[in-house]
Amino acid sequence: MRVIARSSLRTFVESLEGSKDQRSVKAALDSWFHEAHRAVWKSPSDVLRSYGKASIVGPDRVVFNIKGNDYRLVVSMNYSRQTVFIKWFGTHADYDKIDVRTVPYGR
């Protein structure tokens, strides 16, 4: 899969500088990125085989739990083009304040 907008994840990690979570969030996101980059997901069921705790939200939206569910990553998938577009990343508490189906890219 081609992952678009990885820089938004790096920016988020940089915003955590000095926080006790920075290293673990970076490690978790790097791990997710490398797994997603190597994946060949052709359907939501393929995603669930790789990430059983991911939430499929509509035909193109997926929510991944990051760092033991402390953080959430919302992506838009284009399975036919093998593309993952990062829409939103933040804490679980902030996730509860957004509409995952319509959240636009960025913060």
Protein backbone atom coordinates (compact mmCIF):
# COMPACT_ATOMS: atom_id res chain seq x y z
CA MET A 1 0.00 0.00 0.00
CA ARG A 2 1.14 3.51 -0.68
CA VAL A 3 0.73 5.65 2.44
CA ILE A 4 0.06 9.32 1.76
CA ALA A 5 0.72 12.10 4.22
CA ARG A 6 3.11 10.28 6.53
CA SER A 7 4.54 13.72 7.28
CA SER A 8 1.41 14.49 9.31
CA LEU A 9 2.32 11.60 11.62
CA ARG A 10 5.87 12.90 11.97
CA THR A 11 4.53 16.35 12.80
CA PHE A 12 2.30 14.89 15.49
CA VAL A 13 5.21 12.95 17.01
CA GLU A 14 7.33 16.11 17.00
CA SER A 15 4.53 17.93 18.83
CA LEU A 16 4.94 15.41 21.65
CA GLU A 17 8.58 16.42 22.25
CA GLY A 18 9.32 16.27 25.94
CA SER A 19 6.29 14.05 26.58
CA LYS A 20 6.68 10.60 28.07
CA ASP A 21 4.65 9.23 25.15
CA GLN A 22 6.81 10.53 22.31
CA ARG A 23 9.08 7.49 21.93
CA SER A 24 6.34 4.91 22.25
CA VAL A 25 4.00 6.77 19.88
CA LYS A 26 6.80 7.11 17.32
CA ALA A 27 7.62 3.39 17.58
CA ALA A 28 3.95 2.41 17.24
CA LEU A 29 3.40 4.67 14.22
CA ASP A 30 6.62 3.52 12.55
CA SER A 31 5.54 -0.08 13.04
CA TRP A 32 2.07 0.61 11.61
CA PHE A 33 3.56 2.48 8.64
CA HIS A 34 5.95 -0.31 7.72
CA GLU A 35 3.22 -2.95 8.03
CA ALA A 36 0.78 -0.90 5.95
CA HIS A 37 3.43 -0.13 3.35
CA ARG A 38 4.12 -3.86 2.87
CA ALA A 39 0.45 -4.86 2.93
CA VAL A 40 -1.72 -5.72 -0.03
CA TRP A 41 -5.22 -4.92 1.20
CA LYS A 42 -7.87 -5.45 -1.45
CA SER A 43 -10.87 -5.15 0.86
CA PRO A 44 -11.83 -4.27 4.43
CA SER A 45 -11.69 -7.96 5.34
CA ASP A 46 -8.00 -8.01 4.35
CA VAL A 47 -7.38 -5.14 6.78
CA LEU A 48 -9.17 -7.02 9.55
CA ARG A 49 -7.04 -10.10 8.93
CA SER A 50 -3.97 -7.94 9.62
CA TYR A 51 -5.53 -5.76 12.32
CA GLY A 52 -8.34 -7.55 14.07
CA LYS A 53 -9.08 -4.56 16.29
CA ALA A 54 -9.29 -2.05 13.45
CA SER A 55 -12.72 -0.50 12.94
CA ILE A 56 -14.16 -0.44 9.44
CA VAL A 57 -16.25 2.71 9.11
CA GLY A 58 -17.94 2.71 5.74
CA PRO A 59 -16.53 1.45 2.47
CA ASP A 60 -13.32 3.49 2.62
CA ARG A 61 -12.66 4.55 6.21
CA VAL A 62 -10.65 2.54 8.71
CA VAL A 63 -9.68 3.40 12.28
CA PHE A 64 -6.56 1.83 13.74
CA ASN A 65 -5.79 1.67 17.45
CA ILE A 66 -2.25 2.90 18.10
CA LYS A 67 -0.18 2.39 21.23
CA GLY A 68 -2.58 0.17 23.09
CA ASN A 69 -5.62 2.20 22.04
CA ASP A 70 -4.28 5.42 23.60
CA TYR A 71 -4.28 6.97 20.13
CA ARG A 72 -6.43 6.56 17.04
CA LEU A 73 -5.45 6.76 13.38
CA VAL A 74 -8.19 7.46 10.83
CA VAL A 75 -7.40 6.65 7.21
CA SER A 76 -9.19 6.59 3.90
CA MET A 77 -8.49 3.53 1.78
CA ASN A 78 -8.54 3.20 -1.96
CA TYR A 79 -8.20 -0.53 -2.32
CA SER A 80 -8.08 -0.59 -6.12
CA ARG A 81 -5.21 1.92 -6.20
CA GLN A 82 -3.52 0.39 -3.16
CA THR A 83 -3.48 3.76 -1.39
CA VAL A 84 -3.91 4.71 2.26
CA PHE A 85 -4.53 8.40 2.93
CA ILE A 86 -4.02 9.52 6.51
CA LYS A 87 -6.98 11.66 7.52
CA TRP A 88 -6.56 12.19 11.24
CA PHE A 89 -4.43 11.13 14.18
CA GLY A 90 -4.86 11.96 17.83
CA THR A 91 -5.60 10.78 21.32
CA HIS A 92 -8.50 8.51 22.09
CA ALA A 93 -10.16 11.39 23.97
CA ASP A 94 -9.85 13.71 20.94
CA TYR A 95 -11.15 10.94 18.69
CA ASP A 96 -14.38 10.91 20.69
CA LYS A 97 -14.94 14.55 19.59
CA ILE A 98 -14.78 13.98 15.82
CA ASP A 99 -17.07 12.42 13.24
CA VAL A 100 -14.84 9.69 11.88
CA ARG A 101 -16.92 9.35 8.70
CA THR A 102 -16.37 12.95 7.62
CA VAL A 103 -13.24 14.17 9.38
CA PRO A 104 -11.08 15.96 6.81
CA TYR A 105 -7.32 15.68 6.49
CA GLY A 106 -5.41 17.56 9.15
CA ARG A 107 -6.32 18.85 12.54
